[in-house]
Amino acid sequence: MNFHMDLLLFAVTCIALISGFPVAFTLAGTALLFGMIGIGMGIFDPSFFFALPQRIFGTMSNEVLVAVPLFIFMGTMLERARIAEDLLDNMTRLFGSMRGGLAVSVTLVGALLAASTGIVGATVVTMGLLSLPTMLKRGYDPALASGAITAAGTLGQIIPPSIVLVLLGDVIANAYQKAQLEQGIFSPETVSVGELFAGALIPGLILVGLYIVYQIVIAYLQPHRAPPSDFADEKPVHLSDIVTSLLPPILLIITVLGSILGGIATPTEAAAVGAVGTILLAGERLIANPLLPRFGALALIGLVIMTINFDLRTARDVLSFGDYFGIGVALLLSLTVALAIFRSLMACWPEKIIHRVMDSTMKTTSMVFVILIGAALFSLVFRGLGGDETIENWLHAIPGGALGAVAAVMIIMFFLGFFLDFIEIIFVVVPIVGPVLLAMDVDPVWLGIMMAINLQTSFLTPPFGFALFYLRGVAPPSVSTMQIYRGAIPYVLMQLCLLIGLALAPGLITWLPDFIFG
């Protein structure tokens, strides 16, 4: 009977989530209900409930998860301050005159926004509002235009820094440690979010390359679907326009991602740098004479460089002249950054940009962490009902060993992605299957990136892909839902081919983390 209760818990939870009930309360409510039933039937130990406060405290004290609101802040600020709009406008005018150029510019901007924000919904909506009308006006096939926008928007799932990878990295790290402890390894190794970021970099760039190649091939084989555009009626794009719109996001990406991959900063520290950087970018755009925000941005980069070359800790017994010099320069740079932040915030204040950014960040972050608490209670009850043993026995019974088990989990996650959001899958499914798969000697970084790309694919898959719904909400009535679906299918196939390729050549994922982190 215990066997049936754990599967029944999972089934009832999925049905409730698909029905539209609030995620956090569904996870916690169904778990609490089944726990009480299990206590009454004598098949559930109530001591599992007593572990919940410790789980919540562990979430509160987890420094890695602090990166989540900071990355959300980054993405929301870039959207609200219209930095993404300027970037898309200039890239469109730069590439629009070539065949398929508008689709290529959308893909490149999507990749840049993904590397700057990691937020899928905001990217799809922003580019849908800004670029879809332009592409339709220039004669693009609605299906091709819709597919380019939805696919580019989902790059935030895989290109670091990604909120998906931050959340997935924390869950994978816990599952990896649990798998080792159950194997009798009491000094377990760990896997960091930085390793997942490094592992996702090459697959993410491959995916961008596949998108662009497909768009160029379609433009030359079927030129009526992606004609070159004439922008003579608009002001010409100058090199200065490209530099001013492209250089700041690239510097932000290099600073944030480079500090993580270079081992200079943790993901949380790098996210804080990125949040400060987006405030300065907003100030640079809004202030008529943006000299101070630009100095602040240079000072921020200087601080990152100072942390590499100097020991800036003051709580030491012996400080050399070089140490005093480095600390003094760092204080001056910090003062410059503080003044630039204050000036940028004052520029954002009249338009209420900072109000909307903080409100959106608070709502999204609260949603994530409440779901995390509900998922913690769900996993405790699922384990107490014997769900861990059920999943372990089922995965070990699948033919093909570890590869067969991974393939089965990937297929299940792919179909669950039609109905459940990525946060729900990460917090509910991955803690259940992760320890079992990792106990089969599956590489944790490889598994994490495969899951991330799989979730990204389900975001695009008709008829339930969330990215398709985001675009449907902002697309003009002239674009039908079936056209949006048809446009997404080639990108789904490309992502499935990438998944197969990564399964056959796992080194595409594991090489860079091994090279950087040893």
Protein backbone atom coordinates (compact mmCIF):
# COMPACT_ATOMS: atom_id res chain seq x y z
CA MET A 1 0.00 0.00 0.00
CA ASN A 2 2.94 2.28 0.74
CA PHE A 3 4.06 1.85 -2.85
CA HIS A 4 0.74 3.15 -4.11
CA MET A 5 0.66 6.10 -1.70
CA ASP A 6 3.91 7.68 -2.89
CA LEU A 7 2.91 7.43 -6.56
CA LEU A 8 -0.59 8.66 -5.72
CA LEU A 9 0.96 11.69 -3.97
CA PHE A 10 2.97 12.54 -7.09
CA ALA A 11 -0.02 12.03 -9.40
CA VAL A 12 -2.42 14.13 -7.30
CA THR A 13 0.17 16.92 -7.04
CA CYS A 14 0.68 17.00 -10.83
CA ILE A 15 -3.07 17.05 -11.46
CA ALA A 16 -3.53 19.91 -9.00
CA LEU A 17 -0.70 21.88 -10.58
CA ILE A 18 -2.07 21.35 -14.10
CA SER A 19 -5.48 22.50 -12.85
CA GLY A 20 -4.01 25.87 -12.01
CA PHE A 21 -3.87 25.80 -8.22
CA PRO A 22 -1.09 27.93 -6.65
CA VAL A 23 2.14 25.99 -6.85
CA ALA A 24 3.53 26.47 -3.34
CA PHE A 25 0.23 25.74 -1.60
CA THR A 26 -0.40 22.73 -3.85
CA LEU A 27 2.98 21.19 -3.02
CA ALA A 28 2.68 21.82 0.70
CA GLY A 29 -1.05 21.07 0.92
CA THR A 30 -1.02 17.72 -0.88
CA ALA A 31 2.11 16.67 1.02
CA LEU A 32 0.52 17.58 4.36
CA LEU A 33 -2.71 15.75 3.43
CA PHE A 34 -0.92 12.57 2.37
CA GLY A 35 1.35 12.77 5.41
CA MET A 36 -1.68 12.87 7.71
CA ILE A 37 -3.29 9.98 5.83
CA GLY A 38 -0.03 8.05 6.08
CA ILE A 39 0.15 8.64 9.83
CA GLY A 40 -3.41 7.37 10.19
CA MET A 41 -2.56 4.27 8.15
CA GLY A 42 0.64 3.69 10.09
CA ILE A 43 2.91 3.95 7.04
CA PHE A 44 4.39 7.42 7.60
CA ASP A 45 6.73 8.48 10.41
CA PRO A 46 5.67 11.94 11.68
CA SER A 47 9.31 12.73 12.53
CA PHE A 48 9.75 13.65 8.84
CA PHE A 49 7.63 16.73 9.53
CA PHE A 50 10.09 17.79 12.24
CA ALA A 51 12.85 18.09 9.62
CA LEU A 52 10.99 20.90 7.81
CA PRO A 53 12.25 23.77 10.05
CA GLN A 54 15.82 22.63 9.42
CA ARG A 55 15.15 22.61 5.66
CA ILE A 56 13.72 26.14 5.81
CA PHE A 57 16.67 27.37 7.86
CA GLY A 58 19.05 25.75 5.37
CA THR A 59 17.30 27.67 2.57
CA MET A 60 17.54 30.93 4.53
CA SER A 61 21.27 30.48 5.15
CA ASN A 62 22.12 29.30 1.62
CA GLU A 63 24.32 32.01 0.12
CA VAL A 64 24.03 30.58 -3.40
CA LEU A 65 20.29 31.32 -3.51
CA VAL A 66 20.95 34.99 -2.76
CA ALA A 67 22.02 35.20 -6.41
CA VAL A 68 18.41 34.57 -7.51
CA PRO A 69 16.92 37.99 -6.57
CA LEU A 70 20.07 39.72 -7.82
CA PHE A 71 19.87 38.12 -11.27
CA ILE A 72 16.13 38.84 -11.39
CA PHE A 73 16.92 42.47 -10.56
CA MET A 74 19.47 42.56 -13.41
CA GLY A 75 17.00 41.34 -15.99
CA THR A 76 14.14 43.52 -14.83
CA MET A 77 16.32 46.64 -14.76
CA LEU A 78 17.58 46.03 -18.31
CA GLU A 79 13.98 45.67 -19.45
CA ARG A 80 12.47 48.63 -17.57
CA ALA A 81 15.29 51.03 -18.42
CA ARG A 82 14.83 50.16 -22.12
CA ILE A 83 18.44 49.11 -22.51
CA ALA A 84 17.28 45.97 -24.32
CA GLU A 85 15.10 48.12 -26.60
CA ASP A 86 18.06 50.26 -27.71
CA LEU A 87 20.19 47.17 -28.29
CA LEU A 88 17.52 45.47 -30.40
CA ASP A 89 16.85 48.63 -32.42
CA ASN A 90 20.51 49.14 -33.36
CA MET A 91 21.16 45.47 -34.10
CA THR A 92 18.06 45.36 -36.30
CA ARG A 93 19.24 48.33 -38.35
CA LEU A 94 22.73 46.82 -38.58
CA PHE A 95 21.73 43.36 -39.86
CA GLY A 96 18.32 44.13 -41.37
CA SER A 97 19.60 44.81 -44.88
CA MET A 98 20.82 41.21 -45.34
CA ARG A 99 18.60 38.21 -46.04
CA GLY A 100 17.30 36.87 -42.76
CA GLY A 101 19.08 39.73 -41.02
CA LEU A 102 16.19 40.61 -38.73
CA ALA A 103 15.95 37.02 -37.48
CA VAL A 104 19.73 36.91 -36.94
CA SER A 105 19.63 40.19 -35.00
CA VAL A 106 16.81 38.84 -32.80
CA THR A 107 18.88 35.73 -32.06
CA LEU A 108 22.01 37.72 -31.23
CA VAL A 109 20.10 40.13 -29.00
CA GLY A 110 18.38 37.16 -27.34
CA ALA A 111 21.77 35.63 -26.61
CA LEU A 112 23.08 38.90 -25.16
CA LEU A 113 19.98 39.37 -23.02
CA ALA A 114 20.24 35.76 -21.89
CA ALA A 115 23.83 36.31 -20.82
CA SER A 116 22.79 39.52 -19.06
CA THR A 117 19.54 38.48 -17.41
CA GLY A 118 18.65 34.80 -17.62
CA ILE A 119 14.89 35.55 -17.55
CA VAL A 120 12.86 33.84 -20.29
CA GLY A 121 9.45 35.46 -19.94
CA ALA A 122 10.74 39.03 -19.90
CA THR A 123 12.96 38.42 -22.95
CA VAL A 124 10.20 36.83 -25.05
CA VAL A 125 7.70 39.54 -24.18
CA THR A 126 10.19 42.37 -24.77
CA MET A 127 11.33 41.09 -28.16
CA GLY A 128 7.77 40.14 -29.12
CA LEU A 129 6.60 43.69 -28.52
CA LEU A 130 9.59 45.34 -30.18
CA SER A 131 10.67 43.11 -33.07
CA LEU A 132 7.63 41.10 -34.17
CA PRO A 133 5.76 44.12 -35.64
CA THR A 134 8.94 45.23 -37.43
CA MET A 135 9.55 41.76 -38.90
CA LEU A 136 5.96 41.48 -40.11
CA LYS A 137 6.10 44.99 -41.60
CA ARG A 138 9.29 44.05 -43.50
CA GLY A 139 7.59 41.02 -45.10
CA TYR A 140 8.81 38.21 -42.84
CA ASP A 141 6.81 35.00 -42.68
CA PRO A 142 4.87 35.11 -39.36
CA ALA A 143 5.92 31.55 -38.51
CA LEU A 144 9.63 32.27 -39.08
CA ALA A 145 9.45 35.52 -37.12
CA SER A 146 7.58 33.91 -34.23
CA GLY A 147 9.99 30.97 -34.09
CA ALA A 148 13.03 33.25 -34.03
CA ILE A 149 11.62 35.31 -31.15
CA THR A 150 10.49 32.39 -28.96
CA ALA A 151 13.71 30.45 -29.54
CA ALA A 152 15.91 33.47 -28.80
CA GLY A 153 13.89 34.19 -25.67
CA THR A 154 14.45 30.72 -24.25
CA LEU A 155 18.24 31.05 -24.50
CA GLY A 156 18.04 32.52 -21.00
CA GLN A 157 17.43 28.97 -19.78
CA ILE A 158 20.87 27.73 -20.79
CA ILE A 159 23.26 30.63 -21.45
CA PRO A 160 24.86 31.67 -18.14
CA PRO A 161 24.25 33.44 -15.89
CA SER A 162 20.85 31.74 -15.78
CA ILE A 163 18.37 31.59 -12.91
CA VAL A 164 17.56 28.05 -14.03
CA LEU A 165 21.22 27.05 -13.62
CA VAL A 166 21.43 28.74 -10.19
CA LEU A 167 18.41 26.86 -8.87
CA LEU A 168 19.39 23.64 -10.64
CA GLY A 169 22.96 23.93 -9.37
CA ASP A 170 21.79 24.09 -5.75
CA VAL A 171 19.48 21.09 -6.19
CA ILE A 172 22.11 19.06 -8.09
CA ALA A 173 24.72 19.84 -5.41
CA ASN A 174 22.41 18.56 -2.66
CA ALA A 175 21.51 15.46 -4.69
CA TYR A 176 25.20 14.77 -5.40
CA GLN A 177 26.13 14.96 -1.74
CA LYS A 178 23.19 12.73 -0.79
CA ALA A 179 24.20 10.15 -3.41
CA GLN A 180 27.76 10.05 -2.06
CA LEU A 181 26.64 9.78 1.56
CA GLU A 182 24.38 6.86 0.69
CA GLN A 183 27.39 5.20 -0.97
CA GLY A 184 29.36 5.53 2.28
CA ILE A 185 31.47 8.50 1.17
CA PHE A 186 31.47 10.73 4.25
CA SER A 187 33.69 13.46 2.81
CA PRO A 188 31.66 14.07 -0.34
CA GLU A 189 32.74 16.16 -3.27
CA THR A 190 30.50 19.00 -4.33
CA VAL A 191 29.45 20.68 -7.55
CA SER A 192 29.15 24.45 -7.80
CA VAL A 193 26.92 26.77 -9.78
CA GLY A 194 30.09 28.09 -11.43
CA GLU A 195 30.80 24.62 -12.85
CA LEU A 196 27.29 24.50 -14.32
CA PHE A 197 27.83 27.95 -15.82
CA ALA A 198 31.05 26.75 -17.44
CA GLY A 199 29.40 23.54 -18.63
CA ALA A 200 26.53 25.45 -20.25
CA LEU A 201 28.71 27.91 -22.15
CA ILE A 202 29.75 25.74 -25.12
CA PRO A 203 26.29 24.10 -25.62
CA GLY A 204 24.68 27.55 -25.41
CA LEU A 205 26.98 28.96 -28.08
CA ILE A 206 26.41 25.90 -30.27
CA LEU A 207 22.67 26.45 -29.96
CA VAL A 208 23.00 30.11 -30.99
CA GLY A 209 25.09 29.02 -33.98
CA LEU A 210 22.48 26.43 -35.01
CA TYR A 211 19.73 29.04 -34.85
CA ILE A 212 21.65 31.52 -37.01
CA VAL A 213 22.66 28.89 -39.60
CA TYR A 214 19.04 27.74 -39.90
CA GLN A 215 17.78 31.30 -40.35
CA ILE A 216 20.37 32.13 -43.03
CA VAL A 217 19.71 28.87 -44.91
CA ILE A 218 15.95 29.50 -44.89
CA ALA A 219 16.52 33.08 -46.04
CA TYR A 220 18.49 31.89 -49.09
CA LEU A 221 16.39 28.82 -49.92
CA GLN A 222 13.05 30.56 -49.36
CA PRO A 223 13.82 34.28 -49.78
CA HIS A 224 10.15 35.27 -49.68
CA ARG A 225 10.02 34.21 -46.00
CA ALA A 226 12.91 36.42 -44.86
CA PRO A 227 13.53 39.22 -47.36
CA PRO A 228 16.23 41.86 -46.92
CA SER A 229 14.87 45.09 -45.51
CA ASP A 230 15.32 48.66 -46.64
CA PHE A 231 15.90 51.05 -43.75
CA ALA A 232 16.36 54.13 -45.95
CA ASP A 233 13.29 55.68 -44.33
CA GLU A 234 14.96 55.58 -40.94
CA LYS A 235 18.13 57.21 -39.67
CA PRO A 236 21.21 55.19 -40.61
CA VAL A 237 23.03 53.24 -37.94
CA HIS A 238 26.48 54.54 -37.04
CA LEU A 239 29.40 52.83 -35.41
CA SER A 240 28.93 55.01 -32.35
CA ASP A 241 25.32 53.75 -32.01
CA ILE A 242 26.48 50.14 -32.13
CA VAL A 243 29.28 50.73 -29.64
CA THR A 244 27.12 52.61 -27.14
CA SER A 245 24.35 49.99 -27.26
CA LEU A 246 26.50 46.85 -27.56
CA LEU A 247 29.56 47.60 -25.45
CA PRO A 248 27.87 48.12 -22.03
CA PRO A 249 26.01 44.75 -22.02
CA ILE A 250 29.13 42.96 -23.24
CA LEU A 251 31.24 44.55 -20.48
CA LEU A 252 28.55 43.54 -17.98
CA ILE A 253 28.60 39.94 -19.25
CA ILE A 254 32.40 39.77 -19.15
CA THR A 255 32.51 41.22 -15.64
CA VAL A 256 29.81 38.95 -14.20
CA LEU A 257 30.54 35.72 -16.02
CA GLY A 258 34.29 36.23 -16.15
CA SER A 259 34.53 36.80 -12.41
CA ILE A 260 32.66 33.53 -11.80
CA LEU A 261 34.57 31.39 -14.29
CA GLY A 262 37.86 32.99 -13.28
CA GLY A 263 37.31 32.04 -9.65
CA ILE A 264 37.41 35.70 -8.60
CA ALA A 265 33.89 35.78 -7.21
CA THR A 266 31.12 33.40 -6.23
CA PRO A 267 27.90 33.50 -8.29
CA THR A 268 26.27 35.53 -5.52
CA GLU A 269 29.08 38.10 -5.46
CA ALA A 270 29.11 38.29 -9.26
CA ALA A 271 25.33 38.74 -9.28
CA ALA A 272 25.73 41.68 -6.90
CA VAL A 273 28.27 43.22 -9.28
CA GLY A 274 25.83 42.64 -12.14
CA ALA A 275 22.97 44.29 -10.25
CA VAL A 276 25.14 47.34 -9.60
CA GLY A 277 26.21 47.31 -13.25
CA THR A 278 22.61 47.40 -14.50
CA ILE A 279 21.87 50.40 -12.26
CA LEU A 280 24.83 52.21 -13.80
CA LEU A 281 23.67 51.21 -17.30
CA ALA A 282 20.25 52.67 -16.55
CA GLY A 283 21.86 55.87 -15.32
CA GLU A 284 24.07 56.05 -18.41
CA ARG A 285 20.98 55.90 -20.58
CA LEU A 286 18.79 58.32 -18.61
CA ILE A 287 21.27 61.06 -17.67
CA ALA A 288 21.94 63.75 -20.28
CA ASN A 289 25.65 63.94 -19.38
CA PRO A 290 26.37 60.40 -18.15
CA LEU A 291 30.01 60.98 -17.19
CA LEU A 292 29.60 59.86 -13.55
CA PRO A 293 27.86 56.51 -14.35
CA ARG A 294 30.57 55.76 -16.90
CA PHE A 295 33.29 56.48 -14.34
CA GLY A 296 31.33 54.32 -11.89
CA ALA A 297 31.26 51.43 -14.37
CA LEU A 298 35.02 51.73 -14.92
CA ALA A 299 35.54 51.89 -11.16
CA LEU A 300 33.44 48.73 -10.75
CA ILE A 301 35.61 46.90 -13.26
CA GLY A 302 38.65 48.31 -11.47
CA LEU A 303 37.44 46.85 -8.17
CA VAL A 304 37.16 43.42 -9.78
CA ILE A 305 40.73 43.77 -11.09
CA MET A 306 41.94 44.94 -7.65
CA THR A 307 40.56 41.81 -6.00
CA ILE A 308 42.72 39.73 -8.34
CA ASN A 309 46.00 41.55 -7.69
CA PHE A 310 45.71 42.68 -4.04
CA ASP A 311 44.71 41.20 -0.72
CA LEU A 312 42.16 43.81 0.37
CA ARG A 313 41.42 42.33 3.80
CA THR A 314 42.10 44.77 6.61
CA ALA A 315 41.79 42.33 9.54
CA ARG A 316 45.41 41.17 9.34
CA ASP A 317 48.35 41.51 11.70
CA VAL A 318 50.84 42.66 9.07
CA LEU A 319 50.06 45.02 6.19
CA SER A 320 52.74 46.02 3.70
CA PHE A 321 52.94 49.31 1.84
CA GLY A 322 51.52 47.58 -1.24
CA ASP A 323 48.56 46.38 0.84
CA TYR A 324 47.86 49.89 2.10
CA PHE A 325 48.12 51.22 -1.44
CA GLY A 326 45.70 48.60 -2.78
CA ILE A 327 43.20 49.18 0.03
CA GLY A 328 43.38 52.96 -0.50
CA VAL A 329 42.76 52.65 -4.24
CA ALA A 330 39.90 50.23 -3.58
CA LEU A 331 38.29 52.73 -1.18
CA LEU A 332 38.49 55.48 -3.80
CA LEU A 333 36.99 53.19 -6.42
CA SER A 334 34.23 52.16 -4.00
CA LEU A 335 33.43 55.81 -3.31
CA THR A 336 33.20 56.48 -7.07
CA VAL A 337 30.87 53.51 -7.52
CA ALA A 338 28.69 54.64 -4.60
CA LEU A 339 28.34 58.17 -6.02
CA ALA A 340 27.55 56.80 -9.47
CA ILE A 341 24.91 54.45 -8.04
CA PHE A 342 23.30 57.32 -6.13
CA ARG A 343 23.22 59.51 -9.23
CA SER A 344 21.81 56.69 -11.37
CA LEU A 345 19.09 55.90 -8.83
CA MET A 346 18.13 59.57 -8.72
CA ALA A 347 17.78 59.49 -12.52
CA CYS A 348 15.55 56.39 -12.30
CA TRP A 349 13.38 57.90 -9.56
CA PRO A 350 11.21 60.38 -11.56
CA GLU A 351 10.11 57.70 -14.05
CA LYS A 352 9.48 55.24 -11.18
CA ILE A 353 11.78 52.71 -12.85
CA ILE A 354 13.36 51.60 -9.60
CA HIS A 355 9.89 51.24 -8.01
CA ARG A 356 8.70 48.86 -10.72
CA VAL A 357 11.98 46.94 -10.76
CA MET A 358 11.95 46.38 -7.01
CA ASP A 359 8.28 45.41 -7.05
CA SER A 360 8.80 42.87 -9.84
CA THR A 361 11.94 41.49 -8.21
CA MET A 362 10.22 41.08 -4.86
CA LYS A 363 7.21 39.28 -6.36
CA THR A 364 9.28 36.88 -8.46
CA THR A 365 11.74 36.13 -5.65
CA SER A 366 8.95 35.55 -3.15
CA MET A 367 7.29 33.14 -5.56
CA VAL A 368 10.51 31.17 -6.03
CA PHE A 369 11.26 30.81 -2.33
CA VAL A 370 7.70 29.97 -1.28
CA ILE A 371 7.71 27.22 -3.92
CA LEU A 372 11.05 26.05 -2.51
CA ILE A 373 9.56 25.69 0.97
CA GLY A 374 6.50 23.86 -0.38
CA ALA A 375 8.79 21.56 -2.40
CA ALA A 376 10.84 20.82 0.73
CA LEU A 377 7.72 19.56 2.53
CA PHE A 378 6.69 17.57 -0.53
CA SER A 379 10.08 15.83 -0.78
CA LEU A 380 10.02 14.96 2.93
CA VAL A 381 6.60 13.33 2.70
CA PHE A 382 7.46 11.61 -0.58
CA ARG A 383 10.55 10.14 1.03
CA GLY A 384 8.64 9.17 4.17
CA LEU A 385 6.14 7.24 2.05
CA GLY A 386 8.97 5.28 0.47
CA GLY A 387 9.14 7.20 -2.77
CA ASP A 388 12.95 7.17 -2.85
CA GLU A 389 13.02 3.37 -2.90
CA THR A 390 10.30 3.26 -5.54
CA ILE A 391 12.19 5.59 -7.89
CA GLU A 392 15.50 3.82 -7.27
CA ASN A 393 14.02 0.39 -8.03
CA TRP A 394 12.29 1.71 -11.13
CA LEU A 395 15.39 3.41 -12.55
CA HIS A 396 17.60 0.40 -11.86
CA ALA A 397 15.09 -1.84 -13.66
CA ILE A 398 15.29 0.19 -16.89
CA PRO A 399 17.43 -1.53 -19.57
CA GLY A 400 20.62 0.22 -20.61
CA GLY A 401 22.04 1.00 -17.18
CA ALA A 402 22.79 4.62 -16.34
CA LEU A 403 22.27 5.87 -19.92
CA GLY A 404 18.87 4.18 -20.14
CA ALA A 405 17.84 5.65 -16.77
CA VAL A 406 18.94 9.14 -17.82
CA ALA A 407 17.05 8.81 -21.10
CA ALA A 408 13.87 7.74 -19.28
CA VAL A 409 14.13 10.68 -16.86
CA MET A 410 14.74 13.09 -19.74
CA ILE A 411 11.63 11.85 -21.57
CA ILE A 412 9.50 12.24 -18.43
CA MET A 413 10.87 15.74 -17.74
CA PHE A 414 10.25 16.70 -21.36
CA PHE A 415 6.56 15.80 -21.13
CA LEU A 416 6.18 17.28 -17.64
CA GLY A 417 7.53 20.52 -19.10
CA PHE A 418 4.34 20.78 -21.16
CA PHE A 419 2.31 21.29 -18.00
CA LEU A 420 4.66 22.34 -15.20
CA ASP A 421 6.94 25.36 -14.92
CA PHE A 422 10.69 24.80 -14.77
CA ILE A 423 10.80 25.85 -11.11
CA GLU A 424 8.30 23.14 -10.18
CA ILE A 425 10.24 20.49 -12.10
CA ILE A 426 13.56 21.55 -10.55
CA PHE A 427 12.23 21.53 -6.99
CA VAL A 428 9.97 18.48 -7.26
CA VAL A 429 11.39 16.07 -9.84
CA VAL A 430 15.16 16.63 -9.69
CA PRO A 431 15.51 15.96 -5.91
CA ILE A 432 13.68 12.66 -6.45
CA VAL A 433 15.63 11.30 -9.43
CA GLY A 434 18.92 13.16 -8.97
CA PRO A 435 20.47 11.11 -6.14
CA VAL A 436 19.64 7.83 -7.90
CA LEU A 437 21.15 8.90 -11.22
CA LEU A 438 24.24 10.39 -9.59
CA ALA A 439 24.75 7.18 -7.61
CA MET A 440 25.09 5.46 -11.02
CA ASP A 441 28.30 7.48 -11.61
CA VAL A 442 26.62 10.01 -13.89
CA ASP A 443 28.62 13.25 -14.07
CA PRO A 444 26.66 15.91 -12.10
CA VAL A 445 27.62 18.80 -14.39
CA TRP A 446 26.68 16.83 -17.50
CA LEU A 447 23.37 15.78 -15.94
CA GLY A 448 22.55 19.33 -14.86
CA ILE A 449 23.17 20.82 -18.32
CA MET A 450 21.22 18.04 -20.03
CA MET A 451 18.29 18.76 -17.73
CA ALA A 452 18.54 22.51 -18.36
CA ILE A 453 18.48 22.07 -22.16
CA ASN A 454 15.62 19.61 -21.80
CA LEU A 455 13.61 22.16 -19.81
CA GLN A 456 14.45 24.79 -22.41
CA THR A 457 13.12 22.49 -25.14
CA SER A 458 9.84 21.95 -23.29
CA PHE A 459 9.48 25.76 -23.10
CA LEU A 460 9.25 25.77 -26.91
CA THR A 461 7.29 22.60 -27.65
CA PRO A 462 3.74 23.03 -28.99
CA PRO A 463 1.04 23.12 -27.85
CA PHE A 464 1.95 23.82 -24.22
CA GLY A 465 5.32 25.60 -24.36
CA PHE A 466 5.35 28.55 -21.99
CA ALA A 467 7.41 30.71 -24.38
CA LEU A 468 4.69 30.23 -27.00
CA PHE A 469 2.08 31.47 -24.54
CA TYR A 470 4.24 34.51 -23.70
CA LEU A 471 4.46 35.45 -27.39
CA ARG A 472 0.78 34.70 -28.01
CA GLY A 473 -0.07 37.23 -25.33
CA VAL A 474 1.73 40.10 -27.11
CA ALA A 475 1.50 39.05 -30.78
CA PRO A 476 -0.92 40.95 -33.05
CA PRO A 477 -4.17 39.18 -34.08
CA SER A 478 -2.80 38.74 -37.62
CA VAL A 479 -0.38 36.11 -36.26
CA SER A 480 -2.29 32.88 -35.61
CA THR A 481 -1.49 30.42 -32.86
CA MET A 482 -0.74 27.71 -35.45
CA GLN A 483 1.83 29.99 -37.10
CA ILE A 484 3.56 30.43 -33.73
CA TYR A 485 3.54 26.64 -33.27
CA ARG A 486 4.92 25.99 -36.77
CA GLY A 487 7.69 28.51 -36.24
CA ALA A 488 8.83 26.84 -33.01
CA ILE A 489 9.02 23.25 -34.31
CA PRO A 490 12.37 23.58 -36.22
CA TYR A 491 14.00 25.01 -33.09
CA VAL A 492 12.64 22.15 -30.98
CA LEU A 493 14.19 19.70 -33.43
CA MET A 494 17.53 21.55 -33.27
CA GLN A 495 17.51 21.36 -29.49
CA LEU A 496 16.67 17.65 -29.53
CA CYS A 497 19.58 17.10 -31.94
CA LEU A 498 21.81 19.04 -29.54
CA LEU A 499 20.68 16.84 -26.64
CA ILE A 500 21.54 13.71 -28.63
CA GLY A 501 24.89 15.20 -29.60
CA LEU A 502 25.71 16.06 -25.97
CA ALA A 503 24.77 12.53 -24.92
CA LEU A 504 27.16 11.10 -27.54
CA ALA A 505 29.90 13.68 -26.85
CA PRO A 506 29.64 14.61 -23.13
CA GLY A 507 33.00 16.34 -23.36
CA LEU A 508 31.26 19.33 -24.94
CA ILE A 509 29.82 19.94 -21.48
CA THR A 510 32.50 18.65 -19.14
CA TRP A 511 35.67 19.93 -20.86
CA LEU A 512 35.40 23.60 -19.89
CA PRO A 513 34.50 22.99 -16.20
CA ASP A 514 37.38 20.51 -15.94
CA PHE A 515 39.74 22.99 -17.59
CA ILE A 516 38.71 25.94 -15.39
CA PHE A 517 38.00 24.25 -12.06
CA GLY A 518 40.22 21.21 -12.39
